[in-house]
Full PDB file with SEQRES, HELIX, SHEET, SSBOND, CRYST1, ORIGX, SCALE, CONECT and MASTER records, all heavy atoms in Angstrom:
SEQRES   1 A   40  VAL VAL VAL TYR GLN GLY CYS ASP THR ALA PHE GLN ILE          
SEQRES   2 A   40  SER ASP LYS GLY SER LEU ASP GLU GLU VAL CYS LYS ARG          
SEQRES   3 A   40  TYR ALA LEU PRO HIS ARG TYR ILE LEU SER VAL GLY SER          
SEQRES   4 A   40  ILE                                                          
HELIX    1 AA1 SER A   18  ARG A   26  1                                   9    
CRYST1    1.000    1.000    1.000  90.00  90.00  90.00 P 1           1          
ORIGX1      1.000000  0.000000  0.000000        0.00000                         
ORIGX2      0.000000  1.000000  0.000000        0.00000                         
ORIGX3      0.000000  0.000000  1.000000        0.00000                         
SCALE1      1.000000  0.000000  0.000000        0.00000                         
SCALE2      0.000000  1.000000  0.000000        0.00000                         
SCALE3      0.000000  0.000000  1.000000        0.00000                         
ATOM      1  N   VAL A   1     -16.804 -26.154  -5.176  1.00  0.00           N  
ATOM      2  CA  VAL A   1     -17.773 -25.076  -5.352  1.00  0.00           C  
ATOM      3  C   VAL A   1     -17.214 -23.821  -4.685  1.00  0.00           C  
ATOM      4  O   VAL A   1     -16.796 -23.866  -3.531  1.00  0.00           O  
ATOM      5  CB  VAL A   1     -19.140 -25.429  -4.716  1.00  0.00           C  
ATOM      6  CG1 VAL A   1     -20.147 -24.299  -4.952  1.00  0.00           C  
ATOM      7  CG2 VAL A   1     -19.665 -26.746  -5.268  1.00  0.00           C  
ATOM      8  N   VAL A   2     -17.206 -22.722  -5.427  1.00  0.00           N  
ATOM      9  CA  VAL A   2     -16.750 -21.455  -4.847  1.00  0.00           C  
ATOM     10  C   VAL A   2     -17.925 -20.784  -4.147  1.00  0.00           C  
ATOM     11  O   VAL A   2     -18.952 -20.509  -4.758  1.00  0.00           O  
ATOM     12  CB  VAL A   2     -16.174 -20.516  -5.923  1.00  0.00           C  
ATOM     13  CG1 VAL A   2     -15.845 -19.143  -5.319  1.00  0.00           C  
ATOM     14  CG2 VAL A   2     -14.927 -21.132  -6.541  1.00  0.00           C  
ATOM     15  N   VAL A   3     -17.777 -20.568  -2.850  1.00  0.00           N  
ATOM     16  CA  VAL A   3     -18.771 -19.835  -2.068  1.00  0.00           C  
ATOM     17  C   VAL A   3     -18.016 -18.729  -1.339  1.00  0.00           C  
ATOM     18  O   VAL A   3     -17.219 -19.008  -0.437  1.00  0.00           O  
ATOM     19  CB  VAL A   3     -19.502 -20.736  -1.043  1.00  0.00           C  
ATOM     20  CG1 VAL A   3     -20.544 -19.911  -0.280  1.00  0.00           C  
ATOM     21  CG2 VAL A   3     -20.161 -21.924  -1.736  1.00  0.00           C  
ATOM     22  N   TYR A   4     -18.257 -17.509  -1.742  1.00  0.00           N  
ATOM     23  CA  TYR A   4     -17.553 -16.391  -1.121  1.00  0.00           C  
ATOM     24  C   TYR A   4     -17.975 -16.220   0.336  1.00  0.00           C  
ATOM     25  O   TYR A   4     -19.074 -16.583   0.733  1.00  0.00           O  
ATOM     26  CB  TYR A   4     -17.838 -15.094  -1.866  1.00  0.00           C  
ATOM     27  CG  TYR A   4     -17.202 -15.003  -3.228  1.00  0.00           C  
ATOM     28  CD1 TYR A   4     -17.966 -14.795  -4.372  1.00  0.00           C  
ATOM     29  CD2 TYR A   4     -15.815 -15.122  -3.366  1.00  0.00           C  
ATOM     30  CE1 TYR A   4     -17.377 -14.707  -5.618  1.00  0.00           C  
ATOM     31  CE2 TYR A   4     -15.229 -15.032  -4.613  1.00  0.00           C  
ATOM     32  CZ  TYR A   4     -16.009 -14.821  -5.737  1.00  0.00           C  
ATOM     33  OH  TYR A   4     -15.417 -14.730  -6.969  1.00  0.00           O  
ATOM     34  N   GLN A   5     -17.085 -15.634   1.093  1.00  0.00           N  
ATOM     35  CA  GLN A   5     -17.394 -15.267   2.472  1.00  0.00           C  
ATOM     36  C   GLN A   5     -17.770 -13.792   2.502  1.00  0.00           C  
ATOM     37  O   GLN A   5     -17.148 -12.984   1.823  1.00  0.00           O  
ATOM     38  CB  GLN A   5     -16.175 -15.495   3.370  1.00  0.00           C  
ATOM     39  CG  GLN A   5     -16.406 -15.105   4.822  1.00  0.00           C  
ATOM     40  CD  GLN A   5     -15.132 -15.178   5.649  1.00  0.00           C  
ATOM     41  OE1 GLN A   5     -14.101 -15.646   5.167  1.00  0.00           O  
ATOM     42  NE2 GLN A   5     -15.199 -14.707   6.877  1.00  0.00           N  
ATOM     43  N   GLY A   6     -18.781 -13.454   3.266  1.00  0.00           N  
ATOM     44  CA  GLY A   6     -19.113 -12.051   3.461  1.00  0.00           C  
ATOM     45  C   GLY A   6     -18.462 -11.550   4.734  1.00  0.00           C  
ATOM     46  O   GLY A   6     -17.606 -12.209   5.315  1.00  0.00           O  
ATOM     47  N   CYS A   7     -18.850 -10.378   5.154  1.00  0.00           N  
ATOM     48  CA  CYS A   7     -18.299  -9.858   6.408  1.00  0.00           C  
ATOM     49  C   CYS A   7     -19.444  -9.491   7.345  1.00  0.00           C  
ATOM     50  O   CYS A   7     -20.596  -9.368   6.932  1.00  0.00           O  
ATOM     51  CB  CYS A   7     -17.399  -8.655   6.167  1.00  0.00           C  
ATOM     52  SG  CYS A   7     -18.224  -7.187   5.556  1.00  0.00           S  
ATOM     53  N   ASP A   8     -19.117  -9.328   8.579  1.00  0.00           N  
ATOM     54  CA  ASP A   8     -20.105  -9.068   9.617  1.00  0.00           C  
ATOM     55  C   ASP A   8     -20.885  -7.788   9.330  1.00  0.00           C  
ATOM     56  O   ASP A   8     -20.336  -6.806   8.817  1.00  0.00           O  
ATOM     57  CB  ASP A   8     -19.398  -8.950  10.966  1.00  0.00           C  
ATOM     58  CG  ASP A   8     -20.357  -9.089  12.129  1.00  0.00           C  
ATOM     59  OD1 ASP A   8     -21.075  -8.108  12.415  1.00  0.00           O  
ATOM     60  OD2 ASP A   8     -20.386 -10.166  12.743  1.00  0.00           O  
ATOM     61  N   THR A   9     -22.162  -7.812   9.666  1.00  0.00           N  
ATOM     62  CA  THR A   9     -23.013  -6.637   9.433  1.00  0.00           C  
ATOM     63  C   THR A   9     -22.638  -5.447  10.305  1.00  0.00           C  
ATOM     64  O   THR A   9     -23.125  -4.342  10.091  1.00  0.00           O  
ATOM     65  CB  THR A   9     -24.492  -6.995   9.687  1.00  0.00           C  
ATOM     66  OG1 THR A   9     -24.626  -7.547  11.008  1.00  0.00           O  
ATOM     67  CG2 THR A   9     -24.992  -8.001   8.668  1.00  0.00           C  
ATOM     68  N   ALA A  10     -21.754  -5.658  11.264  1.00  0.00           N  
ATOM     69  CA  ALA A  10     -21.294  -4.541  12.101  1.00  0.00           C  
ATOM     70  C   ALA A  10     -20.532  -3.518  11.271  1.00  0.00           C  
ATOM     71  O   ALA A  10     -20.453  -2.341  11.636  1.00  0.00           O  
ATOM     72  CB  ALA A  10     -20.409  -5.053  13.231  1.00  0.00           C  
ATOM     73  N   PHE A  11     -19.969  -3.975  10.147  1.00  0.00           N  
ATOM     74  CA  PHE A  11     -19.246  -3.059   9.275  1.00  0.00           C  
ATOM     75  C   PHE A  11     -20.238  -2.416   8.317  1.00  0.00           C  
ATOM     76  O   PHE A  11     -20.841  -3.082   7.478  1.00  0.00           O  
ATOM     77  CB  PHE A  11     -18.158  -3.811   8.499  1.00  0.00           C  
ATOM     78  CG  PHE A  11     -17.132  -4.437   9.391  1.00  0.00           C  
ATOM     79  CD1 PHE A  11     -17.248  -5.760   9.775  1.00  0.00           C  
ATOM     80  CD2 PHE A  11     -16.073  -3.693   9.874  1.00  0.00           C  
ATOM     81  CE1 PHE A  11     -16.316  -6.345  10.612  1.00  0.00           C  
ATOM     82  CE2 PHE A  11     -15.131  -4.260  10.720  1.00  0.00           C  
ATOM     83  CZ  PHE A  11     -15.247  -5.590  11.089  1.00  0.00           C  
ATOM     84  N   GLN A  12     -20.415  -1.133   8.439  1.00  0.00           N  
ATOM     85  CA  GLN A  12     -21.368  -0.425   7.596  1.00  0.00           C  
ATOM     86  C   GLN A  12     -21.060   1.067   7.599  1.00  0.00           C  
ATOM     87  O   GLN A  12     -20.438   1.581   8.520  1.00  0.00           O  
ATOM     88  CB  GLN A  12     -22.797  -0.645   8.101  1.00  0.00           C  
ATOM     89  CG  GLN A  12     -22.993  -0.236   9.557  1.00  0.00           C  
ATOM     90  CD  GLN A  12     -24.358  -0.621  10.078  1.00  0.00           C  
ATOM     91  OE1 GLN A  12     -25.324  -0.561   9.356  1.00  0.00           O  
ATOM     92  NE2 GLN A  12     -24.426  -1.002  11.343  1.00  0.00           N  
ATOM     93  N   ILE A  13     -21.497   1.712   6.523  1.00  0.00           N  
ATOM     94  CA  ILE A  13     -21.340   3.164   6.448  1.00  0.00           C  
ATOM     95  C   ILE A  13     -22.218   3.790   7.521  1.00  0.00           C  
ATOM     96  O   ILE A  13     -23.385   3.434   7.677  1.00  0.00           O  
ATOM     97  CB  ILE A  13     -21.751   3.682   5.060  1.00  0.00           C  
ATOM     98  CG1 ILE A  13     -20.834   3.076   3.988  1.00  0.00           C  
ATOM     99  CG2 ILE A  13     -21.684   5.194   5.010  1.00  0.00           C  
ATOM    100  CD1 ILE A  13     -21.260   3.384   2.582  1.00  0.00           C  
ATOM    101  N   SER A  14     -21.653   4.714   8.281  1.00  0.00           N  
ATOM    102  CA  SER A  14     -22.415   5.323   9.367  1.00  0.00           C  
ATOM    103  C   SER A  14     -21.831   6.685   9.701  1.00  0.00           C  
ATOM    104  O   SER A  14     -20.626   6.918   9.556  1.00  0.00           O  
ATOM    105  CB  SER A  14     -22.368   4.417  10.607  1.00  0.00           C  
ATOM    106  OG  SER A  14     -22.978   5.032  11.714  1.00  0.00           O  
ATOM    107  N   ASP A  15     -22.698   7.587  10.134  1.00  0.00           N  
ATOM    108  CA  ASP A  15     -22.211   8.868  10.633  1.00  0.00           C  
ATOM    109  C   ASP A  15     -21.452   8.633  11.936  1.00  0.00           C  
ATOM    110  O   ASP A  15     -21.765   7.707  12.698  1.00  0.00           O  
ATOM    111  CB  ASP A  15     -23.380   9.830  10.891  1.00  0.00           C  
ATOM    112  CG  ASP A  15     -24.073  10.242   9.595  1.00  0.00           C  
ATOM    113  OD1 ASP A  15     -23.385  10.275   8.552  1.00  0.00           O  
ATOM    114  OD2 ASP A  15     -25.288  10.506   9.631  1.00  0.00           O  
ATOM    115  N   LYS A  16     -20.495   9.482  12.199  1.00  0.00           N  
ATOM    116  CA  LYS A  16     -19.699   9.337  13.409  1.00  0.00           C  
ATOM    117  C   LYS A  16     -20.570   9.542  14.638  1.00  0.00           C  
ATOM    118  O   LYS A  16     -21.223  10.570  14.792  1.00  0.00           O  
ATOM    119  CB  LYS A  16     -18.556  10.358  13.394  1.00  0.00           C  
ATOM    120  CG  LYS A  16     -17.514  10.138  14.479  1.00  0.00           C  
ATOM    121  CD  LYS A  16     -16.321  11.058  14.267  1.00  0.00           C  
ATOM    122  CE  LYS A  16     -15.274  10.847  15.341  1.00  0.00           C  
ATOM    123  NZ  LYS A  16     -14.096  11.710  15.135  1.00  0.00           N  
ATOM    124  N   GLY A  17     -20.613   8.529  15.500  1.00  0.00           N  
ATOM    125  CA  GLY A  17     -21.437   8.597  16.702  1.00  0.00           C  
ATOM    126  C   GLY A  17     -20.590   8.590  17.956  1.00  0.00           C  
ATOM    127  O   GLY A  17     -19.359   8.663  17.912  1.00  0.00           O  
ATOM    128  N   SER A  18     -21.252   8.461  19.096  1.00  0.00           N  
ATOM    129  CA  SER A  18     -20.548   8.514  20.385  1.00  0.00           C  
ATOM    130  C   SER A  18     -19.576   7.353  20.545  1.00  0.00           C  
ATOM    131  O   SER A  18     -18.498   7.506  21.133  1.00  0.00           O  
ATOM    132  CB  SER A  18     -21.562   8.507  21.531  1.00  0.00           C  
ATOM    133  OG  SER A  18     -22.387   7.355  21.451  1.00  0.00           O  
ATOM    134  N   LEU A  19     -19.945   6.159  20.018  1.00  0.00           N  
ATOM    135  CA  LEU A  19     -19.041   5.010  20.111  1.00  0.00           C  
ATOM    136  C   LEU A  19     -17.764   5.277  19.327  1.00  0.00           C  
ATOM    137  O   LEU A  19     -16.660   4.984  19.795  1.00  0.00           O  
ATOM    138  CB  LEU A  19     -19.714   3.743  19.599  1.00  0.00           C  
ATOM    139  CG  LEU A  19     -18.833   2.485  19.564  1.00  0.00           C  
ATOM    140  CD1 LEU A  19     -18.326   2.150  20.964  1.00  0.00           C  
ATOM    141  CD2 LEU A  19     -19.587   1.300  18.978  1.00  0.00           C  
ATOM    142  N   ASP A  20     -17.898   5.844  18.123  1.00  0.00           N  
ATOM    143  CA  ASP A  20     -16.727   6.154  17.316  1.00  0.00           C  
ATOM    144  C   ASP A  20     -15.818   7.141  18.046  1.00  0.00           C  
ATOM    145  O   ASP A  20     -14.586   7.003  18.044  1.00  0.00           O  
ATOM    146  CB  ASP A  20     -17.142   6.731  15.967  1.00  0.00           C  
ATOM    147  CG  ASP A  20     -17.773   5.682  15.060  1.00  0.00           C  
ATOM    148  OD1 ASP A  20     -17.733   4.500  15.420  1.00  0.00           O  
ATOM    149  OD2 ASP A  20     -18.299   6.048  13.997  1.00  0.00           O  
ATOM    150  N   GLU A  21     -16.406   8.142  18.656  1.00  0.00           N  
ATOM    151  CA  GLU A  21     -15.613   9.134  19.388  1.00  0.00           C  
ATOM    152  C   GLU A  21     -14.896   8.493  20.574  1.00  0.00           C  
ATOM    153  O   GLU A  21     -13.737   8.811  20.870  1.00  0.00           O  
ATOM    154  CB  GLU A  21     -16.517  10.273  19.850  1.00  0.00           C  
ATOM    155  CG  GLU A  21     -17.063  11.109  18.692  1.00  0.00           C  
ATOM    156  CD  GLU A  21     -18.039  12.175  19.150  1.00  0.00           C  
ATOM    157  OE1 GLU A  21     -18.293  12.266  20.370  1.00  0.00           O  
ATOM    158  OE2 GLU A  21     -18.552  12.914  18.286  1.00  0.00           O  
ATOM    159  N   GLU A  22     -15.594   7.579  21.242  1.00  0.00           N  
ATOM    160  CA  GLU A  22     -15.006   6.879  22.390  1.00  0.00           C  
ATOM    161  C   GLU A  22     -13.829   6.024  21.947  1.00  0.00           C  
ATOM    162  O   GLU A  22     -12.768   6.008  22.586  1.00  0.00           O  
ATOM    163  CB  GLU A  22     -16.075   6.007  23.055  1.00  0.00           C  
ATOM    164  CG  GLU A  22     -15.596   5.240  24.271  1.00  0.00           C  
ATOM    165  CD  GLU A  22     -16.666   4.302  24.811  1.00  0.00           C  
ATOM    166  OE1 GLU A  22     -17.858   4.659  24.746  1.00  0.00           O  
ATOM    167  OE2 GLU A  22     -16.291   3.214  25.281  1.00  0.00           O  
ATOM    168  N   VAL A  23     -14.006   5.304  20.834  1.00  0.00           N  
ATOM    169  CA  VAL A  23     -12.939   4.455  20.301  1.00  0.00           C  
ATOM    170  C   VAL A  23     -11.757   5.309  19.862  1.00  0.00           C  
ATOM    171  O   VAL A  23     -10.593   4.954  20.083  1.00  0.00           O  
ATOM    172  CB  VAL A  23     -13.474   3.598  19.124  1.00  0.00           C  
ATOM    173  CG1 VAL A  23     -12.328   2.948  18.349  1.00  0.00           C  
ATOM    174  CG2 VAL A  23     -14.431   2.535  19.640  1.00  0.00           C  
ATOM    175  N   CYS A  24     -12.046   6.442  19.246  1.00  0.00           N  
ATOM    176  CA  CYS A  24     -11.001   7.365  18.806  1.00  0.00           C  
ATOM    177  C   CYS A  24     -10.130   7.809  19.978  1.00  0.00           C  
ATOM    178  O   CYS A  24      -8.894   7.803  19.897  1.00  0.00           O  
ATOM    179  CB  CYS A  24     -11.636   8.576  18.120  1.00  0.00           C  
ATOM    180  SG  CYS A  24     -10.440   9.743  17.451  1.00  0.00           S  
ATOM    181  N   LYS A  25     -10.755   8.133  21.077  1.00  0.00           N  
ATOM    182  CA  LYS A  25     -10.012   8.569  22.264  1.00  0.00           C  
ATOM    183  C   LYS A  25      -9.242   7.412  22.891  1.00  0.00           C  
ATOM    184  O   LYS A  25      -8.099   7.568  23.315  1.00  0.00           O  
ATOM    185  CB  LYS A  25     -10.981   9.163  23.283  1.00  0.00           C  
ATOM    186  CG  LYS A  25     -11.583  10.500  22.867  1.00  0.00           C  
ATOM    187  CD  LYS A  25     -12.580  10.991  23.919  1.00  0.00           C  
ATOM    188  CE  LYS A  25     -13.229  12.304  23.485  1.00  0.00           C  
ATOM    189  NZ  LYS A  25     -14.262  12.750  24.464  1.00  0.00           N  
ATOM    190  N   ARG A  26      -9.877   6.228  22.937  1.00  0.00           N  
ATOM    191  CA  ARG A  26      -9.251   5.078  23.595  1.00  0.00           C  
ATOM    192  C   ARG A  26      -7.930   4.697  22.935  1.00  0.00           C  
ATOM    193  O   ARG A  26      -6.963   4.334  23.595  1.00  0.00           O  
ATOM    194  CB  ARG A  26     -10.212   3.891  23.583  1.00  0.00           C  
ATOM    195  CG  ARG A  26      -9.708   2.689  24.383  1.00  0.00           C  
ATOM    196  CD  ARG A  26     -10.694   1.533  24.304  1.00  0.00           C  
ATOM    197  NE  ARG A  26     -12.043   1.977  24.614  1.00  0.00           N  
ATOM    198  CZ  ARG A  26     -13.143   1.538  24.010  1.00  0.00           C  
ATOM    199  NH1 ARG A  26     -13.034   0.620  23.048  1.00  0.00           N  
ATOM    200  NH2 ARG A  26     -14.336   1.971  24.334  1.00  0.00           N  
ATOM    201  N   TYR A  27      -7.891   4.768  21.601  1.00  0.00           N  
ATOM    202  CA  TYR A  27      -6.691   4.362  20.874  1.00  0.00           C  
ATOM    203  C   TYR A  27      -5.859   5.552  20.400  1.00  0.00           C  
ATOM    204  O   TYR A  27      -4.873   5.358  19.686  1.00  0.00           O  
ATOM    205  CB  TYR A  27      -7.074   3.485  19.676  1.00  0.00           C  
ATOM    206  CG  TYR A  27      -7.755   2.201  20.088  1.00  0.00           C  
ATOM    207  CD1 TYR A  27      -9.142   2.058  19.978  1.00  0.00           C  
ATOM    208  CD2 TYR A  27      -7.022   1.129  20.606  1.00  0.00           C  
ATOM    209  CE1 TYR A  27      -9.781   0.889  20.366  1.00  0.00           C  
ATOM    210  CE2 TYR A  27      -7.643  -0.046  20.994  1.00  0.00           C  
ATOM    211  CZ  TYR A  27      -9.027  -0.156  20.874  1.00  0.00           C  
ATOM    212  OH  TYR A  27      -9.653  -1.326  21.253  1.00  0.00           O  
ATOM    213  N   ALA A  28      -6.265   6.762  20.792  1.00  0.00           N  
ATOM    214  CA  ALA A  28      -5.550   7.980  20.370  1.00  0.00           C  
ATOM    215  C   ALA A  28      -5.358   7.996  18.856  1.00  0.00           C  
ATOM    216  O   ALA A  28      -4.256   8.213  18.338  1.00  0.00           O  
ATOM    217  CB  ALA A  28      -4.212   8.082  21.085  1.00  0.00           C  
ATOM    218  N   LEU A  29      -6.462   7.750  18.130  1.00  0.00           N  
ATOM    219  CA  LEU A  29      -6.388   7.693  16.673  1.00  0.00           C  
ATOM    220  C   LEU A  29      -6.071   9.078  16.105  1.00  0.00           C  
ATOM    221  O   LEU A  29      -6.616  10.086  16.556  1.00  0.00           O  
ATOM    222  CB  LEU A  29      -7.717   7.182  16.096  1.00  0.00           C  
ATOM    223  CG  LEU A  29      -8.091   5.741  16.437  1.00  0.00           C  
ATOM    224  CD1 LEU A  29      -9.475   5.406  15.898  1.00  0.00           C  
ATOM    225  CD2 LEU A  29      -7.053   4.762  15.888  1.00  0.00           C  
ATOM    226  N   PRO A  30      -5.203   9.138  15.085  1.00  0.00           N  
ATOM    227  CA  PRO A  30      -4.877  10.422  14.468  1.00  0.00           C  
ATOM    228  C   PRO A  30      -6.040  10.945  13.630  1.00  0.00           C  
ATOM    229  O   PRO A  30      -7.002  10.214  13.346  1.00  0.00           O  
ATOM    230  CB  PRO A  30      -3.672  10.098  13.585  1.00  0.00           C  
ATOM    231  CG  PRO A  30      -3.807   8.640  13.298  1.00  0.00           C  
ATOM    232  CD  PRO A  30      -4.443   8.017  14.512  1.00  0.00           C  
ATOM    233  N   HIS A  31      -5.947  12.194  13.219  1.00  0.00           N  
ATOM    234  CA  HIS A  31      -7.040  12.829  12.476  1.00  0.00           C  
ATOM    235  C   HIS A  31      -7.208  12.240  11.081  1.00  0.00           C  
ATOM    236  O   HIS A  31      -8.325  11.946  10.655  1.00  0.00           O  
ATOM    237  CB  HIS A  31      -6.793  14.335  12.375  1.00  0.00           C  
ATOM    238  CG  HIS A  31      -7.841  15.063  11.576  1.00  0.00           C  
ATOM    239  ND1 HIS A  31      -9.180  15.071  11.946  1.00  0.00           N  
ATOM    240  CD2 HIS A  31      -7.750  15.777  10.424  1.00  0.00           C  
ATOM    241  CE1 HIS A  31      -9.871  15.770  11.056  1.00  0.00           C  
ATOM    242  NE2 HIS A  31      -9.034  16.201  10.122  1.00  0.00           N  
ATOM    243  N   ARG A  32      -6.108  12.054  10.371  1.00  0.00           N  
ATOM    244  CA  ARG A  32      -6.163  11.471   9.017  1.00  0.00           C  
ATOM    245  C   ARG A  32      -5.250  10.253   8.984  1.00  0.00           C  
ATOM    246  O   ARG A  32      -4.037  10.373   9.190  1.00  0.00           O  
ATOM    247  CB  ARG A  32      -5.706  12.490   7.965  1.00  0.00           C  
ATOM    248  CG  ARG A  32      -6.676  13.637   7.762  1.00  0.00           C  
ATOM    249  CD  ARG A  32      -6.148  14.636   6.731  1.00  0.00           C  
ATOM    250  NE  ARG A  32      -6.047  14.079   5.390  1.00  0.00           N  
ATOM    251  CZ  ARG A  32      -7.086  13.930   4.560  1.00  0.00           C  
ATOM    252  NH1 ARG A  32      -8.304  14.291   4.937  1.00  0.00           N  
ATOM    253  NH2 ARG A  32      -6.918  13.432   3.349  1.00  0.00           N  
ATOM    254  N   TYR A  33      -5.848   9.093   8.731  1.00  0.00           N  
ATOM    255  CA  TYR A  33      -5.000   7.898   8.725  1.00  0.00           C  
ATOM    256  C   TYR A  33      -5.414   6.883   7.672  1.00  0.00           C  
ATOM    257  O   TYR A  33      -6.581   6.763   7.288  1.00  0.00           O  
ATOM    258  CB  TYR A  33      -4.948   7.238  10.102  1.00  0.00           C  
ATOM    259  CG  TYR A  33      -6.247   6.678  10.662  1.00  0.00           C  
ATOM    260  CD1 TYR A  33      -6.630   5.361  10.414  1.00  0.00           C  
ATOM    261  CD2 TYR A  33      -7.057   7.463  11.486  1.00  0.00           C  
ATOM    262  CE1 TYR A  33      -7.791   4.839  10.968  1.00  0.00           C  
ATOM    263  CE2 TYR A  33      -8.212   6.946  12.044  1.00  0.00           C  
ATOM    264  CZ  TYR A  33      -8.576   5.635  11.784  1.00  0.00           C  
ATOM    265  OH  TYR A  33      -9.745   5.126  12.332  1.00  0.00           O  
ATOM    266  N   ILE A  34      -4.398   6.182   7.206  1.00  0.00           N  
ATOM    267  CA  ILE A  34      -4.553   5.010   6.345  1.00  0.00           C  
ATOM    268  C   ILE A  34      -4.643   3.815   7.284  1.00  0.00           C  
ATOM    269  O   ILE A  34      -3.880   3.716   8.250  1.00  0.00           O  
ATOM    270  CB  ILE A  34      -3.338   4.859   5.416  1.00  0.00           C  
ATOM    271  CG1 ILE A  34      -3.222   6.067   4.482  1.00  0.00           C  
ATOM    272  CG2 ILE A  34      -3.417   3.556   4.619  1.00  0.00           C  
ATOM    273  CD1 ILE A  34      -1.825   6.243   3.928  1.00  0.00           C  
ATOM    274  N   LEU A  35      -5.561   2.909   7.015  1.00  0.00           N  
ATOM    275  CA  LEU A  35      -5.763   1.749   7.881  1.00  0.00           C  
ATOM    276  C   LEU A  35      -5.373   0.468   7.165  1.00  0.00           C  
ATOM    277  O   LEU A  35      -5.634   0.297   5.970  1.00  0.00           O  
ATOM    278  CB  LEU A  35      -7.240   1.659   8.295  1.00  0.00           C  
ATOM    279  CG  LEU A  35      -7.655   0.429   9.119  1.00  0.00           C  
ATOM    280  CD1 LEU A  35      -6.980   0.431  10.486  1.00  0.00           C  
ATOM    281  CD2 LEU A  35      -9.176   0.387   9.282  1.00  0.00           C  
ATOM    282  N   SER A  36      -4.742  -0.452   7.903  1.00  0.00           N  
ATOM    283  CA  SER A  36      -4.499  -1.801   7.412  1.00  0.00           C  
ATOM    284  C   SER A  36      -4.770  -2.771   8.555  1.00  0.00           C  
ATOM    285  O   SER A  36      -4.325  -2.538   9.685  1.00  0.00           O  
ATOM    286  CB  SER A  36      -3.058  -1.956   6.922  1.00  0.00           C  
ATOM    287  OG  SER A  36      -2.900  -3.182   6.229  1.00  0.00           O  
ATOM    288  N   VAL A  37      -5.520  -3.828   8.283  1.00  0.00           N  
ATOM    289  CA  VAL A  37      -5.928  -4.782   9.315  1.00  0.00           C  
ATOM    290  C   VAL A  37      -5.459  -6.182   8.941  1.00  0.00           C  
ATOM    291  O   VAL A  37      -5.657  -6.637   7.816  1.00  0.00           O  
ATOM    292  CB  VAL A  37      -7.463  -4.775   9.497  1.00  0.00           C  
ATOM    293  CG1 VAL A  37      -7.896  -5.843  10.504  1.00  0.00           C  
ATOM    294  CG2 VAL A  37      -7.949  -3.396   9.939  1.00  0.00           C  
ATOM    295  N   GLY A  38      -4.855  -6.867   9.899  1.00  0.00           N  
ATOM    296  CA  GLY A  38      -4.381  -8.228   9.683  1.00  0.00           C  
ATOM    297  C   GLY A  38      -3.103  -8.465  10.473  1.00  0.00           C  
ATOM    298  O   GLY A  38      -2.417  -7.512  10.855  1.00  0.00           O  
ATOM    299  N   SER A  39      -2.775  -9.715  10.736  1.00  0.00           N  
ATOM    300  CA  SER A  39      -1.553 -10.032  11.480  1.00  0.00           C  
ATOM    301  C   SER A  39      -0.360  -9.307  10.867  1.00  0.00           C  
ATOM    302  O   SER A  39      -0.219  -9.271   9.642  1.00  0.00           O  
ATOM    303  CB  SER A  39      -1.287 -11.539  11.467  1.00  0.00           C  
ATOM    304  OG  SER A  39      -2.318 -12.220  12.139  1.00  0.00           O  
ATOM    305  N   ILE A  40       0.474  -8.737  11.711  1.00  0.00           N  
ATOM    306  CA  ILE A  40       1.609  -7.959  11.208  1.00  0.00           C  
ATOM    307  C   ILE A  40       2.770  -8.924  10.987  1.00  0.00           C  
ATOM    308  O   ILE A  40       3.672  -9.076  11.819  1.00  0.00           O  
ATOM    309  CB  ILE A  40       1.960  -6.822  12.189  1.00  0.00           C  
ATOM    310  CG1 ILE A  40       0.702  -6.001  12.484  1.00  0.00           C  
ATOM    311  CG2 ILE A  40       3.044  -5.918  11.595  1.00  0.00           C  
ATOM    312  CD1 ILE A  40       0.842  -5.026  13.631  1.00  0.00           C  
TER     313      ILE A  40                                                      
MASTER        0    0    0    1    0    0    0    6  312    1    0    4          
END                                                                             
């Protein structure tokens, strides 16, 4: 039986908030970036 997996509800469209700004500073994220997630 095929049962798809969903993803955590933490991932959602949201306006940039204080947490996002904090994370941006912590990792020195660039202004415009392409993202890829997964073991390198």
